[in-house]
């Protein structure tokens, strides 16, 4: 009897222990608390992950903003480049001294020629100033625009070479080196300057950004910004440069379209500007005595000078009306 009681007691204790182990967590709420703790821990981990992603995105955005601010500040400082920079932008190898001496000699030659021709000193001085100061700078501007036009023509092709090279697994520096040896001028010399700069320790983004100093156009500015941002913030270089190439080609198409659409206005402006001169020439051929009063009489000379001034103003206004910035 005592053995049966002991076995029953032990069985009851075992059953009670098993029931306690299985039922107590449900009664006491420990399971719900543990589940809640797991949910809170998981939510905290997810929040940290999302916050980390946001921090990385914010950091990347801040890097891009800082880069763009630096580029913008650099552009503001380049609005009035020195004479040496303008000579370099024109693709010439002259020194400042050679340019200034040539300008002075040209002005003196014009002044001496006006003096020998018997013109008053103030006319000779004005002609010497216009020739010695204005003509060389106009020549620099003319050479600069021609060089920039050739650069814009070949820039999309050069970027396509970089895109294909990067997709094939070549480093960016090797792609730029290919352009410096295979493409035409002025891209070849400018990209050769980038290669030479990187070979002496200049970082590639900085060397690409300095391209805008030598060729101050929007295309080189875009290229420098893309390389700088990609080196600092990362991303797919081939995709970014591919988009840049597409943008440059679209700008080229838009430029050609604007030129074609404005050609009619330019032709009309040319006809209007040339019409008074043509009429005066025809009247001189038919009735020279009638029109000679314009330069033989003082009142006629004043009328002729006033008409010329008004014609210049009108031509300038028409030129500004048909000139488009793109």
C-alpha atoms as a PDB file:
ATOM      1  CA  UNK A   1       0.000   0.000   0.000  1.00  0.00           C
ATOM      2  CA  UNK A   2       2.780   2.340   0.871  1.00  0.00           C
ATOM      3  CA  UNK A   3       4.504   1.541  -2.432  1.00  0.00           C
ATOM      4  CA  UNK A   4       1.335   2.411  -4.370  1.00  0.00           C
ATOM      5  CA  UNK A   5       0.994   5.702  -2.509  1.00  0.00           C
ATOM      6  CA  UNK A   6       4.602   6.569  -3.247  1.00  0.00           C
ATOM      7  CA  UNK A   7       4.168   5.729  -6.966  1.00  0.00           C
ATOM      8  CA  UNK A   8       0.957   7.772  -7.163  1.00  0.00           C
ATOM      9  CA  UNK A   9       2.629  10.676  -5.401  1.00  0.00           C
ATOM     10  CA  UNK A  10       5.597  10.533  -7.749  1.00  0.00           C
ATOM     11  CA  UNK A  11       3.303  10.283 -10.790  1.00  0.00           C
ATOM     12  CA  UNK A  12       1.300  13.276  -9.555  1.00  0.00           C
ATOM     13  CA  UNK A  13       4.449  15.285  -8.988  1.00  0.00           C
ATOM     14  CA  UNK A  14       5.767  14.355 -12.444  1.00  0.00           C
ATOM     15  CA  UNK A  15       2.479  15.244 -14.109  1.00  0.00           C
ATOM     16  CA  UNK A  16       2.291  18.473 -12.131  1.00  0.00           C
ATOM     17  CA  UNK A  17       5.848  19.389 -13.110  1.00  0.00           C
ATOM     18  CA  UNK A  18       5.145  18.721 -16.774  1.00  0.00           C
ATOM     19  CA  UNK A  19       1.913  20.716 -16.598  1.00  0.00           C
ATOM     20  CA  UNK A  20       3.702  23.540 -14.810  1.00  0.00           C
ATOM     21  CA  UNK A  21       6.434  23.602 -17.412  1.00  0.00           C
ATOM     22  CA  UNK A  22       3.910  23.685 -20.252  1.00  0.00           C
ATOM     23  CA  UNK A  23       1.113  25.808 -18.833  1.00  0.00           C
ATOM     24  CA  UNK A  24       2.920  28.315 -16.586  1.00  0.00           C
ATOM     25  CA  UNK A  25       4.468  30.390 -19.374  1.00  0.00           C
ATOM     26  CA  UNK A  26       1.007  30.802 -20.883  1.00  0.00           C
ATOM     27  CA  UNK A  27      -0.505  31.764 -17.556  1.00  0.00           C
ATOM     28  CA  UNK A  28       2.298  33.982 -16.371  1.00  0.00           C
ATOM     29  CA  UNK A  29       2.633  35.861 -19.726  1.00  0.00           C
ATOM     30  CA  UNK A  30       6.321  35.053 -20.179  1.00  0.00           C
ATOM     31  CA  UNK A  31       5.669  33.804 -23.720  1.00  0.00           C
ATOM     32  CA  UNK A  32       3.903  37.000 -24.662  1.00  0.00           C
ATOM     33  CA  UNK A  33       6.668  39.020 -23.035  1.00  0.00           C
ATOM     34  CA  UNK A  34       9.336  37.108 -24.893  1.00  0.00           C
ATOM     35  CA  UNK A  35       7.425  37.465 -28.151  1.00  0.00           C
ATOM     36  CA  UNK A  36       7.070  41.178 -27.504  1.00  0.00           C
ATOM     37  CA  UNK A  37      10.778  41.489 -26.731  1.00  0.00           C
ATOM     38  CA  UNK A  38      11.624  39.701 -29.970  1.00  0.00           C
ATOM     39  CA  UNK A  39       9.340  42.028 -31.901  1.00  0.00           C
ATOM     40  CA  UNK A  40      10.905  45.079 -30.272  1.00  0.00           C
ATOM     41  CA  UNK A  41      14.419  43.764 -30.917  1.00  0.00           C
ATOM     42  CA  UNK A  42      13.591  43.012 -34.556  1.00  0.00           C
ATOM     43  CA  UNK A  43      12.022  46.424 -35.005  1.00  0.00           C
ATOM     44  CA  UNK A  44      15.086  48.037 -33.461  1.00  0.00           C
ATOM     45  CA  UNK A  45      17.392  46.119 -35.805  1.00  0.00           C
ATOM     46  CA  UNK A  46      15.305  47.102 -38.819  1.00  0.00           C
ATOM     47  CA  UNK A  47      15.251  50.710 -37.648  1.00  0.00           C
ATOM     48  CA  UNK A  48      19.020  50.697 -37.296  1.00  0.00           C
ATOM     49  CA  UNK A  49      19.413  49.185 -40.739  1.00  0.00           C
ATOM     50  CA  UNK A  50      17.085  51.714 -42.307  1.00  0.00           C
ATOM     51  CA  UNK A  51      18.774  54.520 -40.394  1.00  0.00           C
ATOM     52  CA  UNK A  52      22.132  53.272 -41.611  1.00  0.00           C
ATOM     53  CA  UNK A  53      20.840  53.265 -45.190  1.00  0.00           C
ATOM     54  CA  UNK A  54      19.443  56.763 -44.734  1.00  0.00           C
ATOM     55  CA  UNK A  55      22.744  57.897 -43.232  1.00  0.00           C
ATOM     56  CA  UNK A  56      24.637  56.466 -46.185  1.00  0.00           C
ATOM     57  CA  UNK A  57      22.266  58.128 -48.650  1.00  0.00           C
ATOM     58  CA  UNK A  58      22.502  61.385 -46.722  1.00  0.00           C
ATOM     59  CA  UNK A  59      26.281  61.151 -46.652  1.00  0.00           C
ATOM     60  CA  UNK A  60      26.397  60.505 -50.386  1.00  0.00           C
ATOM     61  CA  UNK A  61      24.031  63.393 -51.056  1.00  0.00           C
ATOM     62  CA  UNK A  62      26.151  65.672 -48.873  1.00  0.00           C
ATOM     63  CA  UNK A  63      29.282  64.646 -50.768  1.00  0.00           C
ATOM     64  CA  UNK A  64      27.581  65.410 -54.083  1.00  0.00           C
ATOM     65  CA  UNK A  65      26.340  68.780 -52.805  1.00  0.00           C
ATOM     66  CA  UNK A  66      29.800  69.707 -51.518  1.00  0.00           C
ATOM     67  CA  UNK A  67      31.352  68.715 -54.844  1.00  0.00           C
ATOM     68  CA  UNK A  68      28.844  70.782 -56.810  1.00  0.00           C
ATOM     69  CA  UNK A  69      29.415  73.768 -54.502  1.00  0.00           C
ATOM     70  CA  UNK A  70      33.155  73.538 -55.073  1.00  0.00           C
ATOM     71  CA  UNK A  71      32.671  73.311 -58.836  1.00  0.00           C
ATOM     72  CA  UNK A  72      30.317  76.301 -58.811  1.00  0.00           C
ATOM     73  CA  UNK A  73      32.760  78.370 -56.744  1.00  0.00           C
ATOM     74  CA  UNK A  74      35.552  77.410 -59.138  1.00  0.00           C
ATOM     75  CA  UNK A  75      33.446  78.532 -62.094  1.00  0.00           C
ATOM     76  CA  UNK A  76      32.697  81.912 -60.519  1.00  0.00           C
ATOM     77  CA  UNK A  77      36.404  82.530 -60.113  1.00  0.00           C
ATOM     78  CA  UNK A  78      37.001  81.769 -63.808  1.00  0.00           C
ATOM     79  CA  UNK A  79      34.664  84.362 -65.329  1.00  0.00           C
ATOM     80  CA  UNK A  80      37.539  86.766 -66.000  1.00  0.00           C
ATOM     81  CA  UNK A  81      40.582  84.609 -66.853  1.00  0.00           C
ATOM     82  CA  UNK A  82      44.016  86.207 -67.137  1.00  0.00           C
ATOM     83  CA  UNK A  83      45.710  86.825 -70.465  1.00  0.00           C
ATOM     84  CA  UNK A  84      47.797  83.652 -70.245  1.00  0.00           C
ATOM     85  CA  UNK A  85      44.644  81.557 -69.783  1.00  0.00           C
ATOM     86  CA  UNK A  86      42.945  83.207 -72.760  1.00  0.00           C
ATOM     87  CA  UNK A  87      45.976  82.512 -74.937  1.00  0.00           C
ATOM     88  CA  UNK A  88      45.925  78.889 -73.817  1.00  0.00           C
ATOM     89  CA  UNK A  89      42.179  78.621 -74.472  1.00  0.00           C
ATOM     90  CA  UNK A  90      42.799  79.849 -78.028  1.00  0.00           C
ATOM     91  CA  UNK A  91      45.231  76.965 -78.563  1.00  0.00           C
ATOM     92  CA  UNK A  92      48.276  79.220 -78.986  1.00  0.00           C
ATOM     93  CA  UNK A  93      51.695  78.791 -77.443  1.00  0.00           C
ATOM     94  CA  UNK A  94      52.535  82.479 -77.175  1.00  0.00           C
ATOM     95  CA  UNK A  95      53.761  84.028 -73.975  1.00  0.00           C
ATOM     96  CA  UNK A  96      52.216  87.133 -72.436  1.00  0.00           C
ATOM     97  CA  UNK A  97      55.288  89.155 -73.367  1.00  0.00           C
ATOM     98  CA  UNK A  98      55.166  88.074 -77.023  1.00  0.00           C
ATOM     99  CA  UNK A  99      51.458  88.898 -77.257  1.00  0.00           C
ATOM    100  CA  UNK A 100      51.847  92.347 -75.681  1.00  0.00           C
ATOM    101  CA  UNK A 101      54.883  93.239 -77.794  1.00  0.00           C
ATOM    102  CA  UNK A 102      53.072  92.184 -80.966  1.00  0.00           C
ATOM    103  CA  UNK A 103      50.022  94.267 -80.013  1.00  0.00           C
ATOM    104  CA  UNK A 104      52.151  97.347 -79.325  1.00  0.00           C
ATOM    105  CA  UNK A 105      54.090  96.976 -82.595  1.00  0.00           C
ATOM    106  CA  UNK A 106      50.839  96.574 -84.532  1.00  0.00           C
ATOM    107  CA  UNK A 107      49.353  99.703 -82.933  1.00  0.00           C
ATOM    108  CA  UNK A 108      52.494 101.767 -83.613  1.00  0.00           C
ATOM    109  CA  UNK A 109      52.530 100.626 -87.239  1.00  0.00           C
ATOM    110  CA  UNK A 110      48.937 101.762 -87.733  1.00  0.00           C
ATOM    111  CA  UNK A 111      49.663 105.108 -86.031  1.00  0.00           C
ATOM    112  CA  UNK A 112      52.684 105.738 -88.276  1.00  0.00           C
ATOM    113  CA  UNK A 113      50.674 104.774 -91.359  1.00  0.00           C
ATOM    114  CA  UNK A 114      47.898 107.213 -90.403  1.00  0.00           C
ATOM    115  CA  UNK A 115      50.482 109.961 -89.781  1.00  0.00           C
ATOM    116  CA  UNK A 116      52.146 109.360 -93.154  1.00  0.00           C
ATOM    117  CA  UNK A 117      48.713 109.458 -94.813  1.00  0.00           C
ATOM    118  CA  UNK A 118      48.200 112.956 -93.395  1.00  0.00           C
ATOM    119  CA  UNK A 119      45.445 112.096 -90.926  1.00  0.00           C
ATOM    120  CA  UNK A 120      45.039 114.098 -87.690  1.00  0.00           C
ATOM    121  CA  UNK A 121      46.791 112.743 -84.614  1.00  0.00           C
ATOM    122  CA  UNK A 122      43.567 111.835 -82.820  1.00  0.00           C
ATOM    123  CA  UNK A 123      42.384 109.715 -85.769  1.00  0.00           C
ATOM    124  CA  UNK A 124      45.735 107.924 -85.842  1.00  0.00           C
ATOM    125  CA  UNK A 125      45.615 107.430 -82.075  1.00  0.00           C
ATOM    126  CA  UNK A 126      42.099 105.971 -82.231  1.00  0.00           C
ATOM    127  CA  UNK A 127      43.035 103.663 -85.103  1.00  0.00           C
ATOM    128  CA  UNK A 128      46.196 102.571 -83.262  1.00  0.00           C
ATOM    129  CA  UNK A 129      44.211 101.818 -80.089  1.00  0.00           C
ATOM    130  CA  UNK A 130      41.576  99.841 -81.989  1.00  0.00           C
ATOM    131  CA  UNK A 131      44.206  97.895 -83.903  1.00  0.00           C
ATOM    132  CA  UNK A 132      46.695  97.335 -81.086  1.00  0.00           C
ATOM    133  CA  UNK A 133      44.188  96.622 -78.304  1.00  0.00           C
ATOM    134  CA  UNK A 134      40.985  95.398 -79.927  1.00  0.00           C
ATOM    135  CA  UNK A 135      42.209  93.407 -82.936  1.00  0.00           C
ATOM    136  CA  UNK A 136      44.537  90.981 -81.054  1.00  0.00           C
ATOM    137  CA  UNK A 137      41.849  90.253 -78.451  1.00  0.00           C
ATOM    138  CA  UNK A 138      39.279  89.705 -81.177  1.00  0.00           C
ATOM    139  CA  UNK A 139      41.743  87.295 -82.782  1.00  0.00           C
ATOM    140  CA  UNK A 140      42.033  85.391 -79.474  1.00  0.00           C
ATOM    141  CA  UNK A 141      38.270  85.214 -79.166  1.00  0.00           C
ATOM    142  CA  UNK A 142      37.934  84.006 -82.767  1.00  0.00           C
ATOM    143  CA  UNK A 143      40.540  81.271 -82.287  1.00  0.00           C
ATOM    144  CA  UNK A 144      38.972  80.245 -78.972  1.00  0.00           C
ATOM    145  CA  UNK A 145      35.505  79.832 -80.507  1.00  0.00           C
ATOM    146  CA  UNK A 146      36.837  77.808 -83.420  1.00  0.00           C
ATOM    147  CA  UNK A 147      38.752  75.534 -81.078  1.00  0.00           C
ATOM    148  CA  UNK A 148      35.740  75.058 -78.824  1.00  0.00           C
ATOM    149  CA  UNK A 149      33.565  74.207 -81.827  1.00  0.00           C
ATOM    150  CA  UNK A 150      35.994  71.456 -82.878  1.00  0.00           C
ATOM    151  CA  UNK A 151      36.149  70.190 -79.305  1.00  0.00           C
ATOM    152  CA  UNK A 152      32.338  70.012 -79.010  1.00  0.00           C
ATOM    153  CA  UNK A 153      32.174  68.143 -82.319  1.00  0.00           C
ATOM    154  CA  UNK A 154      34.377  65.285 -81.074  1.00  0.00           C
ATOM    155  CA  UNK A 155      33.574  65.243 -77.352  1.00  0.00           C
ATOM    156  CA  UNK A 156      30.628  62.747 -77.540  1.00  0.00           C
ATOM    157  CA  UNK A 157      32.777  60.295 -79.521  1.00  0.00           C
ATOM    158  CA  UNK A 158      35.522  60.497 -76.904  1.00  0.00           C
ATOM    159  CA  UNK A 159      33.038  59.793 -74.100  1.00  0.00           C
ATOM    160  CA  UNK A 160      31.704  56.805 -76.050  1.00  0.00           C
ATOM    161  CA  UNK A 161      35.262  55.448 -76.191  1.00  0.00           C
ATOM    162  CA  UNK A 162      35.488  55.735 -72.395  1.00  0.00           C
ATOM    163  CA  UNK A 163      32.086  54.035 -71.955  1.00  0.00           C
ATOM    164  CA  UNK A 164      33.049  51.081 -74.162  1.00  0.00           C
ATOM    165  CA  UNK A 165      36.432  50.777 -72.442  1.00  0.00           C
ATOM    166  CA  UNK A 166      34.918  50.803 -68.940  1.00  0.00           C
ATOM    167  CA  UNK A 167      32.316  48.202 -69.939  1.00  0.00           C
ATOM    168  CA  UNK A 168      35.145  46.040 -71.302  1.00  0.00           C
ATOM    169  CA  UNK A 169      36.932  46.232 -67.959  1.00  0.00           C
ATOM    170  CA  UNK A 170      39.607  48.832 -68.686  1.00  0.00           C
ATOM    171  CA  UNK A 171      40.496  51.393 -65.992  1.00  0.00           C
ATOM    172  CA  UNK A 172      39.393  54.968 -66.559  1.00  0.00           C
ATOM    173  CA  UNK A 173      43.000  56.152 -66.863  1.00  0.00           C
ATOM    174  CA  UNK A 174      43.708  53.729 -69.711  1.00  0.00           C
ATOM    175  CA  UNK A 175      40.580  54.873 -71.556  1.00  0.00           C
ATOM    176  CA  UNK A 176      41.707  58.497 -71.297  1.00  0.00           C
ATOM    177  CA  UNK A 177      45.164  57.449 -72.509  1.00  0.00           C
ATOM    178  CA  UNK A 178      43.582  55.875 -75.599  1.00  0.00           C
ATOM    179  CA  UNK A 179      41.805  59.148 -76.375  1.00  0.00           C
ATOM    180  CA  UNK A 180      45.052  61.072 -75.941  1.00  0.00           C
ATOM    181  CA  UNK A 181      46.684  59.018 -78.698  1.00  0.00           C
ATOM    182  CA  UNK A 182      43.886  58.064 -81.103  1.00  0.00           C
ATOM    183  CA  UNK A 183      41.513  61.030 -81.398  1.00  0.00           C
ATOM    184  CA  UNK A 184      41.927  64.296 -83.314  1.00  0.00           C
ATOM    185  CA  UNK A 185      42.906  67.762 -82.131  1.00  0.00           C
ATOM    186  CA  UNK A 186      42.135  69.559 -79.876  1.00  0.00           C
ATOM    187  CA  UNK A 187      40.880  66.567 -77.825  1.00  0.00           C
ATOM    188  CA  UNK A 188      44.166  64.725 -78.230  1.00  0.00           C
ATOM    189  CA  UNK A 189      46.315  67.454 -76.691  1.00  0.00           C
ATOM    190  CA  UNK A 190      43.841  68.194 -73.896  1.00  0.00           C
ATOM    191  CA  UNK A 191      43.477  64.555 -72.835  1.00  0.00           C
ATOM    192  CA  UNK A 192      47.234  64.143 -73.135  1.00  0.00           C
ATOM    193  CA  UNK A 193      47.520  66.966 -70.598  1.00  0.00           C
ATOM    194  CA  UNK A 194      45.207  64.995 -68.272  1.00  0.00           C
ATOM    195  CA  UNK A 195      47.382  61.880 -68.652  1.00  0.00           C
ATOM    196  CA  UNK A 196      50.557  63.863 -67.975  1.00  0.00           C
ATOM    197  CA  UNK A 197      48.983  65.472 -64.905  1.00  0.00           C
ATOM    198  CA  UNK A 198      47.996  62.114 -63.419  1.00  0.00           C
ATOM    199  CA  UNK A 199      51.468  60.709 -64.126  1.00  0.00           C
ATOM    200  CA  UNK A 200      53.039  63.368 -61.865  1.00  0.00           C
ATOM    201  CA  UNK A 201      50.637  62.700 -58.983  1.00  0.00           C
ATOM    202  CA  UNK A 202      47.596  64.881 -59.674  1.00  0.00           C
ATOM    203  CA  UNK A 203      44.351  63.013 -58.787  1.00  0.00           C
ATOM    204  CA  UNK A 204      42.292  62.046 -61.811  1.00  0.00           C
ATOM    205  CA  UNK A 205      39.133  63.988 -60.744  1.00  0.00           C
ATOM    206  CA  UNK A 206      41.184  67.151 -60.263  1.00  0.00           C
ATOM    207  CA  UNK A 207      42.943  66.687 -63.616  1.00  0.00           C
ATOM    208  CA  UNK A 208      39.567  66.226 -65.359  1.00  0.00           C
ATOM    209  CA  UNK A 209      38.130  69.258 -63.562  1.00  0.00           C
ATOM    210  CA  UNK A 210      41.037  71.400 -64.788  1.00  0.00           C
ATOM    211  CA  UNK A 211      39.977  70.632 -68.350  1.00  0.00           C
ATOM    212  CA  UNK A 212      37.342  73.352 -67.937  1.00  0.00           C
ATOM    213  CA  UNK A 213      40.139  75.908 -67.366  1.00  0.00           C
ATOM    214  CA  UNK A 214      41.602  75.207 -70.796  1.00  0.00           C
ATOM    215  CA  UNK A 215      38.300  74.630 -72.647  1.00  0.00           C
ATOM    216  CA  UNK A 216      35.608  76.658 -70.821  1.00  0.00           C
ATOM    217  CA  UNK A 217      32.453  75.089 -72.277  1.00  0.00           C
ATOM    218  CA  UNK A 218      29.521  73.284 -70.685  1.00  0.00           C
ATOM    219  CA  UNK A 219      30.586  69.904 -72.091  1.00  0.00           C
ATOM    220  CA  UNK A 220      33.933  69.862 -70.268  1.00  0.00           C
ATOM    221  CA  UNK A 221      32.223  71.146 -67.135  1.00  0.00           C
ATOM    222  CA  UNK A 222      29.758  68.232 -67.246  1.00  0.00           C
ATOM    223  CA  UNK A 223      32.596  65.774 -67.791  1.00  0.00           C
ATOM    224  CA  UNK A 224      34.594  67.085 -64.823  1.00  0.00           C
ATOM    225  CA  UNK A 225      31.536  67.015 -62.541  1.00  0.00           C
ATOM    226  CA  UNK A 226      30.644  63.430 -63.518  1.00  0.00           C
ATOM    227  CA  UNK A 227      34.176  62.135 -62.913  1.00  0.00           C
ATOM    228  CA  UNK A 228      34.509  63.993 -59.612  1.00  0.00           C
ATOM    229  CA  UNK A 229      31.161  62.813 -58.210  1.00  0.00           C
ATOM    230  CA  UNK A 230      31.734  59.234 -59.339  1.00  0.00           C
ATOM    231  CA  UNK A 231      35.141  59.094 -57.676  1.00  0.00           C
ATOM    232  CA  UNK A 232      33.777  60.481 -54.394  1.00  0.00           C
ATOM    233  CA  UNK A 233      30.275  59.011 -54.178  1.00  0.00           C
ATOM    234  CA  UNK A 234      30.574  55.888 -56.327  1.00  0.00           C
ATOM    235  CA  UNK A 235      28.107  54.574 -58.858  1.00  0.00           C
ATOM    236  CA  UNK A 236      28.156  53.082 -62.337  1.00  0.00           C
ATOM    237  CA  UNK A 237      30.629  55.133 -64.359  1.00  0.00           C
ATOM    238  CA  UNK A 238      29.678  53.573 -67.699  1.00  0.00           C
ATOM    239  CA  UNK A 239      25.986  54.327 -67.186  1.00  0.00           C
ATOM    240  CA  UNK A 240      26.688  57.890 -66.036  1.00  0.00           C
ATOM    241  CA  UNK A 241      29.025  58.647 -68.931  1.00  0.00           C
ATOM    242  CA  UNK A 242      26.568  57.004 -71.329  1.00  0.00           C
ATOM    243  CA  UNK A 243      23.880  59.390 -70.138  1.00  0.00           C
ATOM    244  CA  UNK A 244      26.338  62.276 -70.502  1.00  0.00           C
ATOM    245  CA  UNK A 245      27.125  61.249 -74.081  1.00  0.00           C
ATOM    246  CA  UNK A 246      23.400  61.156 -74.866  1.00  0.00           C
ATOM    247  CA  UNK A 247      22.948  64.624 -73.337  1.00  0.00           C
ATOM    248  CA  UNK A 248      25.837  66.040 -75.365  1.00  0.00           C
ATOM    249  CA  UNK A 249      24.465  64.593 -78.596  1.00  0.00           C
ATOM    250  CA  UNK A 250      21.005  65.972 -77.809  1.00  0.00           C
ATOM    251  CA  UNK A 251      22.546  69.397 -77.159  1.00  0.00           C
ATOM    252  CA  UNK A 252      24.331  69.152 -80.503  1.00  0.00           C
ATOM    253  CA  UNK A 253      21.056  68.317 -82.272  1.00  0.00           C
ATOM    254  CA  UNK A 254      19.297  71.173 -80.509  1.00  0.00           C
ATOM    255  CA  UNK A 255      22.064  73.570 -81.522  1.00  0.00           C
ATOM    256  CA  UNK A 256      21.745  72.559 -85.186  1.00  0.00           C
ATOM    257  CA  UNK A 257      17.960  72.893 -84.986  1.00  0.00           C
ATOM    258  CA  UNK A 258      18.195  76.383 -83.473  1.00  0.00           C
ATOM    259  CA  UNK A 259      20.686  77.466 -86.143  1.00  0.00           C
ATOM    260  CA  UNK A 260      18.385  76.181 -88.887  1.00  0.00           C
ATOM    261  CA  UNK A 261      15.310  77.875 -87.403  1.00  0.00           C
ATOM    262  CA  UNK A 262      17.103  81.197 -86.893  1.00  0.00           C
ATOM    263  CA  UNK A 263      18.679  81.257 -90.353  1.00  0.00           C
ATOM    264  CA  UNK A 264      15.629  82.984 -91.856  1.00  0.00           C
ATOM    265  CA  UNK A 265      15.822  85.752 -89.256  1.00  0.00           C
ATOM    266  CA  UNK A 266      19.558  86.126 -89.870  1.00  0.00           C
ATOM    267  CA  UNK A 267      19.029  86.406 -93.606  1.00  0.00           C
ATOM    268  CA  UNK A 268      16.322  89.047 -93.092  1.00  0.00           C
ATOM    269  CA  UNK A 269      18.575  91.007 -90.732  1.00  0.00           C
ATOM    270  CA  UNK A 270      21.446  90.881 -93.244  1.00  0.00           C
ATOM    271  CA  UNK A 271      19.206  92.167 -96.038  1.00  0.00           C
ATOM    272  CA  UNK A 272      17.809  94.976 -93.880  1.00  0.00           C
ATOM    273  CA  UNK A 273      21.298  95.999 -92.748  1.00  0.00           C
ATOM    274  CA  UNK A 274      22.712  95.971 -96.300  1.00  0.00           C
ATOM    275  CA  UNK A 275      19.765  97.694 -97.960  1.00  0.00           C
ATOM    276  CA  UNK A 276      20.679 101.364 -97.128  1.00  0.00           C
ATOM    277  CA  UNK A 277      24.263 100.866 -98.291  1.00  0.00           C
ATOM    278  CA  UNK A 278      23.074  99.221-101.514  1.00  0.00           C
ATOM    279  CA  UNK A 279      20.567 102.034-102.183  1.00  0.00           C
ATOM    280  CA  UNK A 280      23.238 104.679-101.571  1.00  0.00           C
ATOM    281  CA  UNK A 281      25.613 102.911-103.980  1.00  0.00           C
ATOM    282  CA  UNK A 282      22.934 102.639-106.686  1.00  0.00           C
ATOM    283  CA  UNK A 283      21.959 106.311-106.292  1.00  0.00           C
ATOM    284  CA  UNK A 284      25.644 107.259-106.573  1.00  0.00           C
ATOM    285  CA  UNK A 285      25.896 105.324-109.833  1.00  0.00           C
ATOM    286  CA  UNK A 286      22.816 107.014-111.321  1.00  0.00           C
ATOM    287  CA  UNK A 287      23.011 110.536-109.802  1.00  0.00           C
ATOM    288  CA  UNK A 288      26.408 111.175-108.214  1.00  0.00           C
ATOM    289  CA  UNK A 289      25.886 114.924-107.910  1.00  0.00           C
ATOM    290  CA  UNK A 290      22.689 114.354-105.954  1.00  0.00           C
ATOM    291  CA  UNK A 291      24.201 112.134-103.260  1.00  0.00           C
ATOM    292  CA  UNK A 292      27.640 113.760-103.036  1.00  0.00           C
ATOM    293  CA  UNK A 293      26.111 116.407-100.784  1.00  0.00           C
ATOM    294  CA  UNK A 294      26.208 113.851 -97.964  1.00  0.00           C
ATOM    295  CA  UNK A 295      30.020 114.021 -97.734  1.00  0.00           C
ATOM    296  CA  UNK A 296      30.748 117.413 -99.276  1.00  0.00           C
ATOM    297  CA  UNK A 297      28.502 119.540 -97.048  1.00  0.00           C
ATOM    298  CA  UNK A 298      28.813 119.792 -93.222  1.00  0.00           C
ATOM    299  CA  UNK A 299      25.103 119.107 -92.721  1.00  0.00           C
ATOM    300  CA  UNK A 300      25.348 116.100 -95.036  1.00  0.00           C
ATOM    301  CA  UNK A 301      28.294 114.716 -93.086  1.00  0.00           C
ATOM    302  CA  UNK A 302      26.340 115.085 -89.847  1.00  0.00           C
ATOM    303  CA  UNK A 303      23.359 113.328 -91.411  1.00  0.00           C
ATOM    304  CA  UNK A 304      25.629 110.576 -92.726  1.00  0.00           C
ATOM    305  CA  UNK A 305      27.262 110.098 -89.295  1.00  0.00           C
ATOM    306  CA  UNK A 306      23.879 110.031 -87.551  1.00  0.00           C
ATOM    307  CA  UNK A 307      22.501 107.533 -90.063  1.00  0.00           C
ATOM    308  CA  UNK A 308      25.562 105.309 -89.643  1.00  0.00           C
ATOM    309  CA  UNK A 309      25.162 105.414 -85.864  1.00  0.00           C
ATOM    310  CA  UNK A 310      21.482 104.492 -86.066  1.00  0.00           C
ATOM    311  CA  UNK A 311      22.267 101.702 -88.519  1.00  0.00           C
ATOM    312  CA  UNK A 312      24.890 100.272 -86.157  1.00  0.00           C
ATOM    313  CA  UNK A 313      22.448 100.412 -83.246  1.00  0.00           C
ATOM    314  CA  UNK A 314      19.737  98.720 -85.291  1.00  0.00           C
ATOM    315  CA  UNK A 315      22.128  96.027 -86.504  1.00  0.00           C
ATOM    316  CA  UNK A 316      23.270  95.386 -82.936  1.00  0.00           C
ATOM    317  CA  UNK A 317      19.659  95.095 -81.725  1.00  0.00           C
ATOM    318  CA  UNK A 318      18.791  92.666 -84.525  1.00  0.00           C
ATOM    319  CA  UNK A 319      21.872  90.605 -83.748  1.00  0.00           C
ATOM    320  CA  UNK A 320      20.864  90.375 -80.103  1.00  0.00           C
ATOM    321  CA  UNK A 321      17.322  89.373 -81.082  1.00  0.00           C
ATOM    322  CA  UNK A 322      18.452  86.474 -83.250  1.00  0.00           C
ATOM    323  CA  UNK A 323      21.275  85.244 -81.009  1.00  0.00           C
ATOM    324  CA  UNK A 324      20.304  82.259 -78.858  1.00  0.00           C
ATOM    325  CA  UNK A 325      22.221  80.926 -75.882  1.00  0.00           C
ATOM    326  CA  UNK A 326      22.258  77.110 -75.917  1.00  0.00           C
END
